[in-house]
C-alpha cells in the first residue's frame, strides 16, 4: 500500500466490489487516498474509517473479487516457505493466504444460506396460499353440504 507514509505492507481482511477492510501497522487518516498493488491489480481507494490497525476503504473503481482472490491463491505455494512477516507485525504471510480461503468459504456458505432461506420462505408462502385457497373453497362446499343435509 502506498500512502502519505510511503510504501508499506497491509493485510486484506475483507473484499467487496467497492471496498476493502485492511489491517496495517502505519497510522492512516480518514479521507486520505491510497494505492494498493497486488499484481496485476492497482487499486486506488479513499480511507473511509480507521480504528486501531484496521481501516475501511472505498475503491475508486469496482474490482473483480474472484480475480483478486485467485491472485492470493496462486501466491500461496510461494508464501508457505516464507519466514517473514506481513506489515512488520506478528502475522505470518500465510495468514493472509488463509484469509483468502476463508473469504471464498464464507461466500460459498452465504450463497447456500441464501438458497435455503429463499426455499423456506417460498415453502411457507406456498402453504399460506394453499390454506387460503382451501378456506375459500370450503365455505361454498359447506353451504352445499348443509343444504343437501337439510333436504328431506
Protein backbone atom coordinates (compact mmCIF):
# COMPACT_ATOMS: atom_id res chain seq x y z
CA UNK A 1 0.00 0.00 0.00
CA UNK A 2 1.27 3.46 -0.83
CA UNK A 3 0.07 6.29 1.40
CA UNK A 4 1.42 9.59 2.67
CA UNK A 5 3.92 7.49 4.66
CA UNK A 6 5.31 5.74 1.56
CA UNK A 7 5.03 2.05 0.79
CA UNK A 8 4.04 -0.44 3.48
CA UNK A 9 2.56 -3.91 3.74
CA UNK A 10 -1.12 -4.42 4.53
CA UNK A 11 -3.28 -7.46 5.16
CA UNK A 12 -6.55 -7.63 3.24
CA UNK A 13 -9.17 -8.84 5.73
CA UNK A 14 -12.33 -8.49 3.63
CA UNK A 15 -13.09 -7.77 -0.03
CA UNK A 16 -16.17 -6.42 -1.77
CA UNK A 17 -16.62 -4.98 -5.26
CA UNK A 18 -16.38 -1.40 -3.95
CA UNK A 19 -14.38 -1.69 -0.72
CA UNK A 20 -11.73 -3.41 1.36
CA UNK A 21 -11.09 -3.98 5.04
CA UNK A 22 -7.35 -3.62 5.61
CA UNK A 23 -5.03 -4.12 8.55
CA UNK A 24 -1.84 -2.05 8.67
CA UNK A 25 0.77 -1.05 11.23
CA UNK A 26 1.00 2.54 10.00
CA UNK A 27 -1.22 5.44 11.08
CA UNK A 28 -3.82 6.44 8.49
CA UNK A 29 -6.17 9.37 8.19
CA UNK A 30 -9.79 9.02 7.02
CA UNK A 31 -10.27 10.91 3.77
CA UNK A 32 -6.71 10.20 2.56
CA UNK A 33 -6.18 8.42 -0.76
CA UNK A 34 -4.07 5.28 -1.01
CA UNK A 35 -2.85 2.97 -3.74
CA UNK A 36 -2.82 -0.79 -3.29
CA UNK A 37 -0.81 -3.01 -5.58
CA UNK A 38 -1.21 -6.72 -5.89
CA UNK A 39 -0.11 -7.84 -9.34
CA UNK A 40 -1.88 -7.45 -11.73
CA UNK A 41 -4.18 -5.16 -9.70
CA UNK A 42 -3.53 -1.50 -8.97
CA UNK A 43 -6.31 -0.17 -6.78
CA UNK A 44 -6.93 3.47 -5.88
CA UNK A 45 -9.05 3.96 -2.79
CA UNK A 46 -10.07 6.52 -0.18
CA UNK A 47 -9.88 5.70 3.52
CA UNK A 48 -13.41 5.95 4.92
CA UNK A 49 -12.71 5.00 8.53
CA UNK A 50 -9.80 3.88 10.68
CA UNK A 51 -9.67 2.30 14.15
CA UNK A 52 -6.58 0.83 15.78
CA UNK A 53 -4.81 -1.07 12.99
CA UNK A 54 -7.93 -1.58 10.84
CA UNK A 55 -9.26 0.66 8.10
CA UNK A 56 -12.14 0.58 5.70
CA UNK A 57 -11.50 1.90 2.20
CA UNK A 58 -13.83 2.71 -0.67
CA UNK A 59 -12.46 1.80 -4.09
CA UNK A 60 -12.38 4.25 -6.96
CA UNK A 61 -13.49 1.52 -9.38
CA UNK A 62 -15.17 -1.84 -8.73
CA UNK A 63 -12.84 -4.85 -8.79
CA UNK A 64 -13.18 -8.46 -9.88
CA UNK A 65 -13.35 -10.20 -6.49
CA UNK A 66 -12.75 -13.69 -7.91
CA UNK A 67 -9.67 -12.48 -9.79
CA UNK A 68 -8.36 -10.65 -6.73
CA UNK A 69 -8.79 -13.76 -4.54
CA UNK A 70 -7.32 -16.01 -7.27
CA UNK A 71 -4.10 -13.96 -7.17
CA UNK A 72 -3.79 -14.82 -3.47
CA UNK A 73 -4.40 -18.50 -4.21
CA UNK A 74 -1.67 -18.52 -6.88
CA UNK A 75 0.77 -16.93 -4.43
CA UNK A 76 0.09 -19.49 -1.70
CA UNK A 77 2.80 -22.03 -2.63
CA UNK A 78 5.47 -19.29 -2.70
CA UNK A 79 4.46 -17.92 0.69
CA UNK A 80 4.41 -21.24 2.55
CA UNK A 81 8.19 -21.34 2.79
CA UNK A 82 8.49 -17.69 3.84
CA UNK A 83 9.62 -16.99 7.37
CA UNK A 84 8.99 -13.25 7.06
CA UNK A 85 6.02 -11.34 8.32
CA UNK A 86 3.49 -9.06 6.72
CA UNK A 87 3.33 -5.39 7.65
CA UNK A 88 6.03 -5.52 10.30
CA UNK A 89 3.51 -7.06 12.69
CA UNK A 90 3.47 -10.53 14.12
CA UNK A 91 1.26 -12.10 11.46
CA UNK A 92 2.98 -14.50 9.06
CA UNK A 93 2.35 -14.07 5.34
CA UNK A 94 0.49 -17.40 5.33
CA UNK A 95 -2.29 -15.89 7.48
CA UNK A 96 -3.22 -13.57 4.62
CA UNK A 97 -3.47 -16.52 2.26
CA UNK A 98 -5.71 -18.41 4.69
CA UNK A 99 -7.98 -15.38 4.96
CA UNK A 100 -8.46 -15.55 1.19
CA UNK A 101 -9.57 -19.16 1.62
CA UNK A 102 -11.90 -18.13 4.45
CA UNK A 103 -13.33 -15.43 2.19
CA UNK A 104 -14.10 -17.98 -0.53
CA UNK A 105 -15.63 -20.35 2.05
CA UNK A 106 -17.69 -17.54 3.53
CA UNK A 107 -19.03 -16.52 0.12
CA UNK A 108 -19.97 -20.14 -0.65
CA UNK A 109 -21.65 -20.58 2.76
CA UNK A 110 -23.59 -17.33 2.40
CA UNK A 111 -24.83 -18.40 -1.03
CA UNK A 112 -26.04 -21.69 0.44
CA UNK A 113 -27.71 -19.86 3.32
CA UNK A 114 -29.48 -17.53 0.87
CA UNK A 115 -30.69 -20.51 -1.17
CA UNK A 116 -32.01 -22.38 1.88
CA UNK A 117 -33.65 -19.24 3.28
CA UNK A 118 -35.34 -18.49 -0.04
CA UNK A 119 -36.57 -22.10 -0.22
CA UNK A 120 -38.06 -21.88 3.28
CA UNK A 121 -39.75 -18.56 2.51
CA UNK A 122 -41.21 -19.92 -0.74
CA UNK A 123 -42.43 -23.08 1.01
CA UNK A 124 -44.14 -21.01 3.73
CA UNK A 125 -45.73 -18.78 1.09
CA UNK A 126 -47.00 -21.85 -0.78
CA UNK A 127 -48.51 -23.29 2.41
CA UNK A 128 -50.18 -19.98 3.23
CA UNK A 129 -51.64 -19.72 -0.27
CA UNK A 130 -52.85 -23.35 -0.11
CA UNK A 131 -54.51 -22.67 3.25
CA UNK A 132 -56.25 -19.54 1.91
CA UNK A 133 -57.47 -21.35 -1.20
CA UNK A 134 -58.72 -24.27 0.94
CA UNK A 135 -60.66 -21.93 3.23
CA UNK A 136 -62.23 -20.08 0.31
CA UNK A 137 -63.27 -23.29 -1.42
CA UNK A 138 -64.53 -25.00 1.74
CA UNK A 139 -67.10 -22.28 2.59
CA UNK A 140 -69.27 -22.80 -0.53
CA UNK A 141 -68.91 -26.58 -0.25
CA UNK A 142 -70.01 -26.46 3.41
CA UNK A 143 -73.11 -24.48 2.37
CA UNK A 144 -73.92 -27.03 -0.34
CA UNK A 145 -73.42 -29.85 2.18
CA UNK A 146 -75.68 -28.12 4.71
CA UNK A 147 -78.35 -27.52 2.06
CA UNK A 148 -78.25 -31.17 0.98
CA UNK A 149 -78.41 -32.38 4.58
CA UNK A 150 -81.46 -30.20 5.27
CA UNK A 151 -83.42 -31.76 2.39
CA UNK A 152 -85.96 -34.38 3.36
